């Protein structure tokens, strides 16, 4: 069962269209996997729609405007339907169908370092970076904290840290208040959004900190 969800503030910003591109990708992908948040979003969109239209009061329009509107909506000259094609990827000898929000968006080939592989989405979103990240069975990301924030949406497999274990669909948002060491037993695939480099805390991994801006 999914236990970790976007905050109400994130869902509200997504519903009103004010959320950044990469965070919108993360929230939208989570909603595809989480019936609870899907229902919350439907309620938020309904409330925002009623508010923008002045509540449930009857909207009066004159006959000329109504006729013009009917003419516009009846003209299908420019109607175009685009089918969403689900993207299937292979990782660790497994075939995974990505959520629609993460499909058909250009990204780089996977760059692999040991048991960790990363494919960066090329969408421009200021300082935010969005990626697919996979970790092989028995792998981990060294103990670190965050100089900004990090969103992780688990898409497949398992991982856990000092705060517990996660299942596909879990939406985890961390910042500088958190320190953790993500580990996986069977391997995992995640979608991540980070706003700044990670800060590694222990052992040889601390050598990566001076080049953190290059690798986040």
N, C-alpha and C. Protein backbone atom coordinates (compact mmCIF):
# COMPACT_ATOMS: atom_id res chain seq x y z
N UNK A 1 0.84 -1.20 0.00
CA UNK A 1 0.00 0.00 0.00
C UNK A 1 0.88 1.26 0.00
N UNK A 2 0.52 2.22 -0.85
CA UNK A 2 1.25 3.49 -0.92
C UNK A 2 1.02 4.27 0.37
N UNK A 3 2.11 4.69 1.01
CA UNK A 3 2.02 5.38 2.30
C UNK A 3 2.51 6.82 2.24
N UNK A 4 3.22 7.18 1.18
CA UNK A 4 3.84 8.51 1.10
C UNK A 4 3.29 9.24 -0.12
N UNK A 5 2.79 10.46 0.13
CA UNK A 5 2.06 11.19 -0.90
C UNK A 5 2.55 12.65 -0.97
N UNK A 6 2.27 13.35 -2.08
CA UNK A 6 2.53 14.80 -2.12
C UNK A 6 1.72 15.52 -1.05
N UNK A 7 2.24 16.64 -0.57
CA UNK A 7 1.49 17.43 0.40
C UNK A 7 0.27 18.04 -0.27
N UNK A 8 -0.67 18.48 0.55
CA UNK A 8 -1.86 19.16 0.01
C UNK A 8 -1.45 20.42 -0.75
N UNK A 9 -0.40 21.10 -0.29
CA UNK A 9 0.07 22.31 -0.97
C UNK A 9 0.56 21.98 -2.38
N UNK A 10 1.29 20.87 -2.52
CA UNK A 10 1.77 20.47 -3.85
C UNK A 10 0.60 20.09 -4.76
N UNK A 11 -0.38 19.36 -4.22
CA UNK A 11 -1.54 18.98 -5.02
C UNK A 11 -2.33 20.21 -5.46
N UNK A 12 -2.45 21.19 -4.56
CA UNK A 12 -3.18 22.42 -4.90
C UNK A 12 -2.46 23.18 -6.01
N UNK A 13 -1.13 23.31 -5.89
CA UNK A 13 -0.36 24.00 -6.92
C UNK A 13 -0.45 23.28 -8.26
N UNK A 14 -0.46 21.95 -8.21
CA UNK A 14 -0.61 21.17 -9.45
C UNK A 14 -1.98 21.41 -10.06
N UNK A 15 -3.01 21.41 -9.24
CA UNK A 15 -4.38 21.59 -9.73
C UNK A 15 -4.58 22.96 -10.38
N UNK A 16 -3.96 23.99 -9.81
CA UNK A 16 -4.15 25.34 -10.37
C UNK A 16 -3.13 25.67 -11.45
N UNK A 17 -2.21 24.74 -11.73
CA UNK A 17 -1.26 24.92 -12.83
C UNK A 17 -0.07 25.79 -12.51
N UNK A 18 0.27 25.95 -11.23
CA UNK A 18 1.38 26.83 -10.86
C UNK A 18 2.64 26.06 -10.47
N UNK A 19 2.60 24.73 -10.57
CA UNK A 19 3.75 23.92 -10.18
C UNK A 19 4.76 23.87 -11.32
N UNK A 20 6.04 23.79 -10.97
CA UNK A 20 7.09 23.72 -11.99
C UNK A 20 6.94 22.47 -12.85
N UNK A 21 7.60 22.45 -13.99
CA UNK A 21 7.44 21.37 -14.96
C UNK A 21 7.84 20.02 -14.37
N UNK A 22 9.04 19.94 -13.78
CA UNK A 22 9.53 18.65 -13.30
C UNK A 22 8.75 18.16 -12.08
N UNK A 23 8.36 19.07 -11.19
CA UNK A 23 7.53 18.67 -10.06
C UNK A 23 6.15 18.24 -10.54
N UNK A 24 5.65 18.88 -11.58
CA UNK A 24 4.37 18.46 -12.16
C UNK A 24 4.47 17.05 -12.72
N UNK A 25 5.61 16.73 -13.33
CA UNK A 25 5.82 15.37 -13.83
C UNK A 25 5.76 14.37 -12.69
N UNK A 26 6.42 14.71 -11.56
CA UNK A 26 6.45 13.81 -10.41
C UNK A 26 5.06 13.62 -9.81
N UNK A 27 4.33 14.71 -9.62
CA UNK A 27 2.99 14.63 -9.03
C UNK A 27 2.04 13.89 -9.96
N UNK A 28 2.09 14.21 -11.25
CA UNK A 28 1.21 13.56 -12.22
C UNK A 28 1.47 12.06 -12.28
N UNK A 29 2.75 11.66 -12.26
CA UNK A 29 3.08 10.23 -12.30
C UNK A 29 2.58 9.53 -11.04
N UNK A 30 2.71 10.20 -9.88
CA UNK A 30 2.20 9.61 -8.63
C UNK A 30 0.69 9.44 -8.70
N UNK A 31 0.00 10.43 -9.23
CA UNK A 31 -1.46 10.37 -9.31
C UNK A 31 -1.92 9.20 -10.17
N UNK A 32 -1.15 8.89 -11.22
CA UNK A 32 -1.48 7.74 -12.05
C UNK A 32 -1.42 6.43 -11.24
N UNK A 33 -0.60 6.43 -10.20
CA UNK A 33 -0.39 5.21 -9.42
C UNK A 33 -1.19 5.18 -8.12
N UNK A 34 -1.78 6.32 -7.73
CA UNK A 34 -2.40 6.44 -6.41
C UNK A 34 -3.85 6.90 -6.54
N UNK A 35 -4.79 6.01 -6.25
CA UNK A 35 -6.21 6.33 -6.36
C UNK A 35 -6.62 7.39 -5.35
N UNK A 36 -6.00 7.38 -4.17
CA UNK A 36 -6.33 8.35 -3.13
C UNK A 36 -6.05 9.78 -3.60
N UNK A 37 -4.86 10.01 -4.15
CA UNK A 37 -4.51 11.35 -4.61
C UNK A 37 -5.26 11.73 -5.87
N UNK A 38 -5.62 10.75 -6.68
CA UNK A 38 -6.43 11.02 -7.86
C UNK A 38 -7.78 11.60 -7.45
N UNK A 39 -8.39 11.03 -6.41
CA UNK A 39 -9.67 11.54 -5.92
C UNK A 39 -9.51 12.93 -5.31
N UNK A 40 -8.41 13.14 -4.56
CA UNK A 40 -8.15 14.47 -3.99
C UNK A 40 -8.04 15.51 -5.08
N UNK A 41 -7.31 15.16 -6.16
CA UNK A 41 -7.12 16.10 -7.26
C UNK A 41 -8.45 16.44 -7.93
N UNK A 42 -9.30 15.45 -8.14
CA UNK A 42 -10.60 15.69 -8.75
C UNK A 42 -11.41 16.69 -7.92
N UNK A 43 -11.39 16.54 -6.60
CA UNK A 43 -12.10 17.46 -5.72
C UNK A 43 -11.51 18.86 -5.77
N UNK A 44 -10.17 18.94 -5.79
CA UNK A 44 -9.52 20.25 -5.88
C UNK A 44 -9.86 20.95 -7.19
N UNK A 45 -9.81 20.22 -8.28
CA UNK A 45 -10.11 20.83 -9.59
C UNK A 45 -11.56 21.29 -9.64
N UNK A 46 -12.47 20.52 -9.04
CA UNK A 46 -13.87 20.93 -9.01
C UNK A 46 -14.04 22.21 -8.19
N UNK A 47 -13.39 22.29 -7.05
CA UNK A 47 -13.48 23.48 -6.20
C UNK A 47 -12.90 24.69 -6.89
N UNK A 48 -11.74 24.52 -7.53
CA UNK A 48 -11.11 25.64 -8.24
C UNK A 48 -11.97 26.08 -9.41
N UNK A 49 -12.60 25.13 -10.10
CA UNK A 49 -13.47 25.49 -11.21
C UNK A 49 -14.67 26.28 -10.77
N UNK A 50 -15.30 25.85 -9.67
CA UNK A 50 -16.46 26.57 -9.15
C UNK A 50 -16.06 27.97 -8.68
N UNK A 51 -14.86 28.06 -8.07
CA UNK A 51 -14.40 29.37 -7.59
C UNK A 51 -14.15 30.32 -8.74
N UNK A 52 -13.52 29.82 -9.82
CA UNK A 52 -13.21 30.69 -10.95
C UNK A 52 -14.47 31.13 -11.70
N UNK A 53 -15.53 30.32 -11.59
CA UNK A 53 -16.78 30.66 -12.27
C UNK A 53 -17.77 31.34 -11.34
N UNK A 54 -17.32 31.70 -10.15
CA UNK A 54 -18.18 32.41 -9.22
C UNK A 54 -19.10 31.50 -8.45
N UNK A 55 -18.61 30.29 -8.16
CA UNK A 55 -19.42 29.36 -7.38
C UNK A 55 -20.45 28.67 -8.24
N UNK A 56 -21.57 28.33 -7.65
CA UNK A 56 -22.60 27.58 -8.36
C UNK A 56 -23.70 28.50 -8.89
N UNK A 57 -23.45 29.82 -8.91
CA UNK A 57 -24.45 30.74 -9.41
C UNK A 57 -24.62 30.53 -10.92
N UNK A 58 -25.82 30.74 -11.38
CA UNK A 58 -26.12 30.56 -12.80
C UNK A 58 -25.40 31.63 -13.60
N UNK A 59 -24.75 31.21 -14.68
CA UNK A 59 -24.05 32.14 -15.56
C UNK A 59 -24.98 32.51 -16.71
N UNK A 60 -25.26 33.80 -16.85
CA UNK A 60 -26.18 34.28 -17.87
C UNK A 60 -25.39 34.80 -19.07
N UNK A 61 -25.75 34.39 -20.26
CA UNK A 61 -25.12 34.88 -21.48
C UNK A 61 -26.21 35.29 -22.44
N UNK A 62 -25.93 36.31 -23.28
CA UNK A 62 -26.96 36.71 -24.21
C UNK A 62 -27.00 35.74 -25.39
N UNK A 63 -28.06 35.79 -26.14
CA UNK A 63 -28.30 34.83 -27.21
C UNK A 63 -27.25 34.92 -28.31
N UNK A 64 -26.75 36.15 -28.58
CA UNK A 64 -25.74 36.32 -29.63
C UNK A 64 -24.44 35.61 -29.26
N UNK A 65 -24.03 35.76 -27.98
CA UNK A 65 -22.81 35.09 -27.53
C UNK A 65 -22.98 33.58 -27.56
N UNK A 66 -24.15 33.13 -27.13
CA UNK A 66 -24.43 31.69 -27.11
C UNK A 66 -24.37 31.11 -28.52
N UNK A 67 -24.92 31.84 -29.49
CA UNK A 67 -24.90 31.37 -30.88
C UNK A 67 -23.47 31.32 -31.41
N UNK A 68 -22.68 32.36 -31.09
CA UNK A 68 -21.28 32.38 -31.53
C UNK A 68 -20.50 31.21 -30.93
N UNK A 69 -20.72 30.95 -29.65
CA UNK A 69 -20.03 29.86 -28.97
C UNK A 69 -20.39 28.51 -29.60
N UNK A 70 -21.68 28.35 -29.92
CA UNK A 70 -22.12 27.11 -30.56
C UNK A 70 -21.45 26.91 -31.90
N UNK A 71 -21.31 28.01 -32.66
CA UNK A 71 -20.67 27.92 -33.98
C UNK A 71 -19.21 27.49 -33.85
N UNK A 72 -18.53 28.07 -32.85
CA UNK A 72 -17.10 27.75 -32.67
C UNK A 72 -16.92 26.29 -32.29
N UNK A 73 -17.70 25.83 -31.32
CA UNK A 73 -17.52 24.47 -30.83
C UNK A 73 -18.02 23.43 -31.82
N UNK A 74 -18.88 23.86 -32.76
CA UNK A 74 -19.38 22.91 -33.76
C UNK A 74 -18.40 22.71 -34.89
N UNK A 75 -17.43 23.61 -35.06
CA UNK A 75 -16.45 23.54 -36.14
C UNK A 75 -15.30 22.63 -35.74
N UNK A 76 -15.20 21.47 -36.39
CA UNK A 76 -14.14 20.54 -36.04
C UNK A 76 -12.97 20.59 -37.01
N UNK A 77 -12.85 21.72 -37.75
CA UNK A 77 -11.78 21.86 -38.74
C UNK A 77 -10.42 21.64 -38.12
N UNK A 78 -10.22 22.17 -36.91
CA UNK A 78 -8.91 22.11 -36.28
C UNK A 78 -8.84 21.05 -35.18
N UNK A 79 -9.85 20.21 -35.12
CA UNK A 79 -9.83 19.17 -34.10
C UNK A 79 -8.70 18.18 -34.38
N UNK A 80 -7.98 17.85 -33.35
CA UNK A 80 -6.86 16.92 -33.50
C UNK A 80 -6.75 16.06 -32.25
N UNK A 81 -6.68 14.78 -32.45
CA UNK A 81 -6.54 13.86 -31.33
C UNK A 81 -5.15 13.25 -31.37
N UNK A 82 -4.45 13.34 -30.24
CA UNK A 82 -3.11 12.78 -30.14
C UNK A 82 -3.15 11.65 -29.12
N UNK A 83 -2.85 10.46 -29.57
CA UNK A 83 -2.85 9.32 -28.67
C UNK A 83 -1.57 9.30 -27.85
N UNK A 84 -1.72 9.06 -26.55
CA UNK A 84 -0.56 8.93 -25.67
C UNK A 84 -0.02 7.51 -25.77
N UNK A 85 1.23 7.40 -26.18
CA UNK A 85 1.85 6.09 -26.32
C UNK A 85 2.69 5.82 -25.08
N UNK A 86 2.34 4.78 -24.36
CA UNK A 86 3.09 4.44 -23.16
C UNK A 86 4.50 4.00 -23.56
N UNK A 87 5.47 4.47 -22.81
CA UNK A 87 6.86 4.13 -23.09
C UNK A 87 7.27 2.94 -22.22
N UNK A 88 7.83 1.95 -22.87
CA UNK A 88 8.33 0.77 -22.16
C UNK A 88 9.85 0.81 -22.16
N UNK A 89 10.45 0.63 -21.01
CA UNK A 89 11.90 0.62 -20.92
C UNK A 89 12.37 -0.69 -20.30
N UNK A 90 13.60 -1.03 -20.59
CA UNK A 90 14.23 -2.19 -20.01
C UNK A 90 15.26 -1.74 -18.98
N UNK A 91 15.20 -2.33 -17.80
CA UNK A 91 16.24 -2.07 -16.82
C UNK A 91 16.43 -3.34 -16.00
N UNK A 92 17.67 -3.67 -15.74
CA UNK A 92 17.99 -4.85 -14.94
C UNK A 92 17.21 -6.09 -15.42
N UNK A 93 17.16 -6.25 -16.75
CA UNK A 93 16.50 -7.40 -17.39
C UNK A 93 15.00 -7.44 -17.12
N UNK A 94 14.42 -6.30 -16.80
CA UNK A 94 12.98 -6.21 -16.57
C UNK A 94 12.38 -5.19 -17.53
N UNK A 95 11.14 -5.44 -17.95
CA UNK A 95 10.43 -4.52 -18.83
C UNK A 95 9.39 -3.76 -18.01
N UNK A 96 9.49 -2.42 -18.04
CA UNK A 96 8.64 -1.56 -17.22
C UNK A 96 7.92 -0.55 -18.11
N UNK A 97 6.62 -0.38 -17.89
CA UNK A 97 5.85 0.66 -18.57
C UNK A 97 5.87 1.91 -17.70
N UNK A 98 6.39 3.00 -18.23
CA UNK A 98 6.45 4.25 -17.47
C UNK A 98 5.08 4.90 -17.39
N UNK A 99 4.81 5.65 -16.31
CA UNK A 99 3.60 6.47 -16.26
C UNK A 99 3.55 7.43 -17.45
N UNK A 100 2.37 7.78 -17.89
CA UNK A 100 2.23 8.66 -19.07
C UNK A 100 2.98 9.96 -18.90
N UNK A 101 2.99 10.50 -17.69
CA UNK A 101 3.66 11.80 -17.46
C UNK A 101 5.15 11.73 -17.71
N UNK A 102 5.73 10.53 -17.70
CA UNK A 102 7.16 10.37 -17.90
C UNK A 102 7.50 9.79 -19.25
N UNK A 103 6.48 9.53 -20.07
CA UNK A 103 6.70 8.92 -21.38
C UNK A 103 6.87 9.97 -22.46
N UNK A 104 7.57 9.58 -23.49
CA UNK A 104 7.70 10.40 -24.70
C UNK A 104 8.32 11.77 -24.42
N UNK A 105 9.12 11.88 -23.37
CA UNK A 105 9.87 13.10 -23.08
C UNK A 105 11.34 12.76 -23.25
N UNK A 106 12.04 13.58 -23.98
CA UNK A 106 13.43 13.27 -24.33
C UNK A 106 14.30 13.18 -23.07
N UNK A 107 15.15 12.19 -23.05
CA UNK A 107 16.12 12.05 -21.96
C UNK A 107 17.38 11.39 -22.50
N UNK A 108 18.43 11.47 -21.72
CA UNK A 108 19.71 10.93 -22.14
C UNK A 108 19.75 9.41 -21.96
N UNK A 109 20.76 8.79 -22.54
CA UNK A 109 21.00 7.37 -22.29
C UNK A 109 21.41 7.21 -20.82
N UNK A 110 21.22 6.01 -20.29
CA UNK A 110 21.62 5.75 -18.92
C UNK A 110 23.14 5.84 -18.79
N UNK A 111 23.59 6.59 -17.81
CA UNK A 111 25.00 6.66 -17.43
C UNK A 111 25.16 5.78 -16.21
N UNK A 112 25.97 4.76 -16.29
CA UNK A 112 26.09 3.78 -15.22
C UNK A 112 27.41 3.93 -14.47
N UNK A 113 27.31 3.88 -13.16
CA UNK A 113 28.47 3.92 -12.29
C UNK A 113 28.26 2.87 -11.20
N UNK A 114 28.94 1.74 -11.34
CA UNK A 114 28.71 0.65 -10.41
C UNK A 114 27.29 0.15 -10.52
N UNK A 115 26.58 0.08 -9.41
CA UNK A 115 25.21 -0.42 -9.40
C UNK A 115 24.18 0.68 -9.61
N UNK A 116 24.63 1.89 -9.88
CA UNK A 116 23.73 3.03 -10.03
C UNK A 116 23.74 3.50 -11.48
N UNK A 117 22.56 3.72 -12.04
CA UNK A 117 22.43 4.26 -13.39
C UNK A 117 21.47 5.43 -13.40
N UNK A 118 21.79 6.46 -14.21
CA UNK A 118 20.93 7.65 -14.26
C UNK A 118 20.70 8.08 -15.70
N UNK A 119 19.45 8.37 -16.03
CA UNK A 119 19.07 8.92 -17.33
C UNK A 119 18.41 10.27 -17.07
N UNK A 120 19.00 11.35 -17.56
CA UNK A 120 18.53 12.71 -17.28
C UNK A 120 17.48 13.16 -18.30
N UNK A 121 16.34 13.65 -17.82
CA UNK A 121 15.37 14.29 -18.71
C UNK A 121 15.92 15.64 -19.14
N UNK A 122 15.75 15.96 -20.41
CA UNK A 122 16.35 17.18 -20.95
C UNK A 122 15.43 18.40 -20.86
N UNK A 123 14.28 18.25 -20.22
CA UNK A 123 13.35 19.37 -20.08
C UNK A 123 14.00 20.48 -19.25
N UNK A 124 13.81 21.72 -19.69
CA UNK A 124 14.37 22.88 -18.99
C UNK A 124 13.43 23.32 -17.88
N UNK A 125 13.96 23.43 -16.66
CA UNK A 125 13.14 23.83 -15.52
C UNK A 125 14.00 24.54 -14.48
N UNK A 126 14.70 25.58 -14.90
CA UNK A 126 15.54 26.33 -13.97
C UNK A 126 16.65 25.46 -13.40
N UNK A 127 16.77 25.49 -12.07
CA UNK A 127 17.82 24.70 -11.42
C UNK A 127 17.37 23.26 -11.12
N UNK A 128 16.13 22.93 -11.42
CA UNK A 128 15.63 21.59 -11.11
C UNK A 128 16.11 20.58 -12.15
N UNK A 129 16.46 19.39 -11.68
CA UNK A 129 16.93 18.32 -12.55
C UNK A 129 16.04 17.10 -12.34
N UNK A 130 15.54 16.53 -13.42
CA UNK A 130 14.69 15.35 -13.35
C UNK A 130 15.39 14.18 -14.03
N UNK A 131 15.31 13.01 -13.41
CA UNK A 131 16.02 11.84 -13.93
C UNK A 131 15.26 10.56 -13.62
N UNK A 132 15.55 9.53 -14.42
CA UNK A 132 15.25 8.17 -14.03
C UNK A 132 16.51 7.62 -13.38
N UNK A 133 16.37 6.94 -12.27
CA UNK A 133 17.50 6.41 -11.52
C UNK A 133 17.23 4.95 -11.20
N UNK A 134 18.18 4.09 -11.54
CA UNK A 134 18.01 2.70 -11.11
C UNK A 134 19.22 2.26 -10.30
N UNK A 135 18.95 1.42 -9.32
CA UNK A 135 19.99 0.88 -8.44
C UNK A 135 19.89 -0.64 -8.50
N UNK A 136 21.00 -1.29 -8.72
CA UNK A 136 21.02 -2.74 -8.81
C UNK A 136 20.80 -3.40 -7.47
N UNK A 137 20.44 -4.68 -7.51
CA UNK A 137 20.19 -5.44 -6.29
C UNK A 137 21.38 -5.36 -5.35
N UNK A 138 21.09 -5.06 -4.08
CA UNK A 138 22.14 -4.94 -3.08
C UNK A 138 22.87 -3.61 -3.10
N UNK A 139 22.45 -2.69 -3.97
CA UNK A 139 23.13 -1.40 -4.08
C UNK A 139 22.60 -0.35 -3.12
N UNK A 140 23.34 0.73 -3.01
CA UNK A 140 22.92 1.84 -2.15
C UNK A 140 23.54 3.13 -2.64
N UNK A 141 22.94 4.24 -2.25
CA UNK A 141 23.52 5.57 -2.45
C UNK A 141 24.13 5.98 -1.12
N UNK A 142 25.41 6.38 -1.10
CA UNK A 142 26.08 6.67 0.17
C UNK A 142 25.33 7.70 1.02
N UNK A 143 25.52 7.63 2.31
CA UNK A 143 24.86 8.52 3.26
C UNK A 143 25.03 9.98 2.84
N UNK A 144 23.89 10.70 2.77
CA UNK A 144 23.95 12.08 2.29
C UNK A 144 22.79 12.89 2.86
N UNK A 145 22.95 14.20 2.77
CA UNK A 145 21.87 15.13 3.04
C UNK A 145 21.67 15.95 1.78
N UNK A 146 20.88 17.02 1.85
CA UNK A 146 20.50 17.76 0.65
C UNK A 146 20.73 19.25 0.86
N UNK A 147 21.34 19.88 -0.13
CA UNK A 147 21.51 21.33 -0.06
C UNK A 147 20.28 22.06 -0.61
N UNK A 148 19.41 21.32 -1.24
CA UNK A 148 18.11 21.83 -1.69
C UNK A 148 17.05 20.83 -1.28
N UNK A 149 16.20 20.43 -2.23
CA UNK A 149 15.24 19.37 -1.93
C UNK A 149 15.39 18.25 -2.95
N UNK A 150 14.87 17.10 -2.59
CA UNK A 150 14.91 15.92 -3.46
C UNK A 150 13.56 15.22 -3.39
N UNK A 151 12.96 14.98 -4.55
CA UNK A 151 11.74 14.19 -4.66
C UNK A 151 12.10 12.86 -5.29
N UNK A 152 11.65 11.78 -4.68
CA UNK A 152 11.84 10.45 -5.24
C UNK A 152 10.49 9.77 -5.36
N UNK A 153 10.15 9.33 -6.56
CA UNK A 153 8.94 8.54 -6.79
C UNK A 153 9.39 7.14 -7.19
N UNK A 154 9.12 6.16 -6.34
CA UNK A 154 9.50 4.79 -6.63
C UNK A 154 8.55 4.22 -7.68
N UNK A 155 9.12 3.78 -8.81
CA UNK A 155 8.32 3.25 -9.91
C UNK A 155 8.26 1.73 -9.91
N UNK A 156 9.35 1.11 -9.50
CA UNK A 156 9.40 -0.35 -9.53
C UNK A 156 10.46 -0.84 -8.54
N UNK A 157 10.23 -2.02 -7.98
CA UNK A 157 11.21 -2.61 -7.08
C UNK A 157 11.01 -2.14 -5.65
N UNK A 158 12.12 -2.11 -4.90
CA UNK A 158 12.05 -1.75 -3.49
C UNK A 158 13.27 -0.94 -3.09
N UNK A 159 13.10 -0.08 -2.11
CA UNK A 159 14.24 0.49 -1.41
C UNK A 159 13.80 0.95 -0.04
N UNK A 160 14.77 1.16 0.81
CA UNK A 160 14.49 1.62 2.16
C UNK A 160 15.62 2.50 2.64
N UNK A 161 15.35 3.22 3.73
CA UNK A 161 16.38 4.05 4.36
C UNK A 161 16.13 4.06 5.86
N UNK A 162 16.73 5.01 6.54
CA UNK A 162 16.60 5.06 7.99
C UNK A 162 15.16 5.30 8.46
N UNK A 163 14.29 5.78 7.56
CA UNK A 163 12.91 6.07 7.92
C UNK A 163 11.93 4.96 7.57
N UNK A 164 12.42 3.90 6.92
CA UNK A 164 11.51 2.80 6.61
C UNK A 164 11.68 2.28 5.20
N UNK A 165 10.73 1.44 4.79
CA UNK A 165 10.75 0.83 3.46
C UNK A 165 9.65 1.43 2.59
N UNK A 166 9.89 1.42 1.27
CA UNK A 166 8.99 2.07 0.32
C UNK A 166 8.52 1.09 -0.74
N UNK A 167 7.33 1.37 -1.29
CA UNK A 167 6.73 0.53 -2.32
C UNK A 167 6.48 1.38 -3.56
N UNK A 168 6.31 0.75 -4.74
CA UNK A 168 6.03 1.52 -5.95
C UNK A 168 4.83 2.45 -5.77
N UNK A 169 5.02 3.70 -6.18
CA UNK A 169 4.00 4.74 -6.01
C UNK A 169 4.30 5.68 -4.88
N UNK A 170 5.16 5.29 -3.93
CA UNK A 170 5.51 6.18 -2.83
C UNK A 170 6.22 7.43 -3.35
N UNK A 171 5.81 8.58 -2.81
CA UNK A 171 6.32 9.90 -3.20
C UNK A 171 7.04 10.45 -1.97
N UNK A 172 8.37 10.53 -2.04
CA UNK A 172 9.16 10.94 -0.88
C UNK A 172 9.84 12.27 -1.19
N UNK A 173 9.60 13.29 -0.36
CA UNK A 173 10.22 14.60 -0.54
C UNK A 173 11.07 14.93 0.67
N UNK A 174 12.37 15.15 0.45
CA UNK A 174 13.32 15.42 1.52
C UNK A 174 14.06 16.73 1.25
N UNK A 175 14.63 17.29 2.32
CA UNK A 175 15.43 18.51 2.18
C UNK A 175 16.59 18.46 3.16
N UNK A 176 17.18 19.61 3.48
CA UNK A 176 18.36 19.67 4.31
C UNK A 176 18.17 19.18 5.73
N UNK A 177 16.94 18.98 6.15
CA UNK A 177 16.67 18.46 7.49
C UNK A 177 16.86 16.95 7.57
N UNK A 178 17.01 16.30 6.41
CA UNK A 178 17.03 14.85 6.36
C UNK A 178 18.41 14.34 5.95
N UNK A 179 18.81 13.26 6.58
CA UNK A 179 20.02 12.52 6.21
C UNK A 179 19.63 11.06 6.05
N UNK A 180 20.04 10.44 4.94
CA UNK A 180 19.64 9.04 4.75
C UNK A 180 20.62 8.29 3.84
N UNK A 181 20.46 6.97 3.84
CA UNK A 181 21.27 6.08 3.02
C UNK A 181 20.33 5.11 2.31
N UNK A 182 19.83 5.49 1.12
CA UNK A 182 18.89 4.60 0.41
C UNK A 182 19.57 3.29 0.00
N UNK A 183 18.90 2.17 0.28
CA UNK A 183 19.42 0.85 -0.08
C UNK A 183 18.30 0.03 -0.70
N UNK A 184 18.67 -0.89 -1.59
CA UNK A 184 17.68 -1.77 -2.19
C UNK A 184 18.15 -3.22 -2.12
N UNK A 185 17.22 -4.10 -1.84
CA UNK A 185 17.55 -5.53 -1.78
C UNK A 185 17.46 -6.16 -3.16
N UNK A 186 16.37 -5.90 -3.87
CA UNK A 186 16.12 -6.56 -5.16
C UNK A 186 16.40 -5.66 -6.36
N UNK A 187 16.70 -4.39 -6.12
CA UNK A 187 16.87 -3.44 -7.22
C UNK A 187 15.65 -2.55 -7.36
N UNK A 188 15.81 -1.35 -7.91
CA UNK A 188 14.68 -0.43 -8.03
C UNK A 188 14.88 0.55 -9.18
N UNK A 189 13.76 1.11 -9.61
CA UNK A 189 13.74 2.18 -10.60
C UNK A 189 12.94 3.34 -10.01
N UNK A 190 13.51 4.54 -10.05
CA UNK A 190 12.86 5.72 -9.46
C UNK A 190 12.87 6.88 -10.45
N UNK A 191 11.90 7.78 -10.28
CA UNK A 191 11.95 9.09 -10.92
C UNK A 191 12.34 10.08 -9.84
N UNK A 192 13.33 10.91 -10.11
CA UNK A 192 13.81 11.86 -9.10
C UNK A 192 13.80 13.29 -9.64
N UNK A 193 13.57 14.22 -8.73
CA UNK A 193 13.72 15.66 -9.02
C UNK A 193 14.57 16.24 -7.90
N UNK A 194 15.65 16.92 -8.24
CA UNK A 194 16.50 17.56 -7.24
C UNK A 194 16.70 19.03 -7.62
N UNK A 195 16.84 19.86 -6.60
CA UNK A 195 17.01 21.30 -6.84
C UNK A 195 18.45 21.75 -6.66
N UNK A 196 19.28 20.91 -6.06
CA UNK A 196 20.69 21.23 -5.84
C UNK A 196 21.43 19.94 -5.56
N UNK A 197 22.75 20.03 -5.49
CA UNK A 197 23.56 18.82 -5.32
C UNK A 197 23.34 18.17 -3.96
N UNK A 198 23.59 16.86 -3.93
CA UNK A 198 23.59 16.14 -2.66
C UNK A 198 24.88 16.47 -1.91
N UNK A 199 24.84 16.28 -0.59
CA UNK A 199 26.05 16.46 0.21
C UNK A 199 26.35 15.14 0.91
N UNK A 200 27.45 14.50 0.51
CA UNK A 200 27.81 13.20 1.07
C UNK A 200 28.54 13.41 2.39
N UNK A 201 28.24 12.51 3.34
CA UNK A 201 28.67 12.75 4.72
C UNK A 201 29.79 11.86 5.22
N UNK A 202 30.00 10.70 4.61
CA UNK A 202 30.90 9.72 5.23
C UNK A 202 31.91 9.15 4.23
N UNK A 203 33.07 8.80 4.75
CA UNK A 203 34.05 8.01 4.01
C UNK A 203 34.50 8.63 2.70
N UNK A 204 34.84 7.75 1.75
CA UNK A 204 35.37 8.20 0.47
C UNK A 204 34.34 8.98 -0.35
N UNK A 205 33.05 8.75 -0.08
CA UNK A 205 32.03 9.46 -0.85
C UNK A 205 32.12 10.97 -0.65
N UNK A 206 32.73 11.43 0.46
CA UNK A 206 32.88 12.86 0.71
C UNK A 206 33.74 13.52 -0.37
N UNK A 207 34.55 12.72 -1.06
CA UNK A 207 35.40 13.26 -2.13
C UNK A 207 34.57 13.78 -3.30
N UNK A 208 33.30 13.36 -3.39
CA UNK A 208 32.43 13.82 -4.48
C UNK A 208 31.87 15.21 -4.24
N UNK A 209 31.92 15.70 -2.99
CA UNK A 209 31.28 16.99 -2.69
C UNK A 209 31.81 18.17 -3.48
N UNK A 210 33.13 18.29 -3.74
CA UNK A 210 33.62 19.44 -4.49
C UNK A 210 33.06 19.51 -5.92
N UNK A 211 32.66 18.36 -6.47
CA UNK A 211 32.12 18.38 -7.84
C UNK A 211 30.61 18.13 -7.83
N UNK A 212 29.99 18.37 -6.69
CA UNK A 212 28.56 18.09 -6.55
C UNK A 212 27.70 18.80 -7.57
N UNK A 213 28.07 20.03 -7.94
CA UNK A 213 27.27 20.77 -8.91
C UNK A 213 27.27 20.10 -10.27
N UNK A 214 28.29 19.30 -10.55
CA UNK A 214 28.39 18.66 -11.86
C UNK A 214 27.60 17.35 -11.94
N UNK A 215 27.33 16.75 -10.79
CA UNK A 215 26.75 15.41 -10.83
C UNK A 215 25.32 15.35 -10.32
N UNK A 216 24.77 16.48 -9.82
CA UNK A 216 23.39 16.37 -9.31
C UNK A 216 22.38 16.36 -10.45
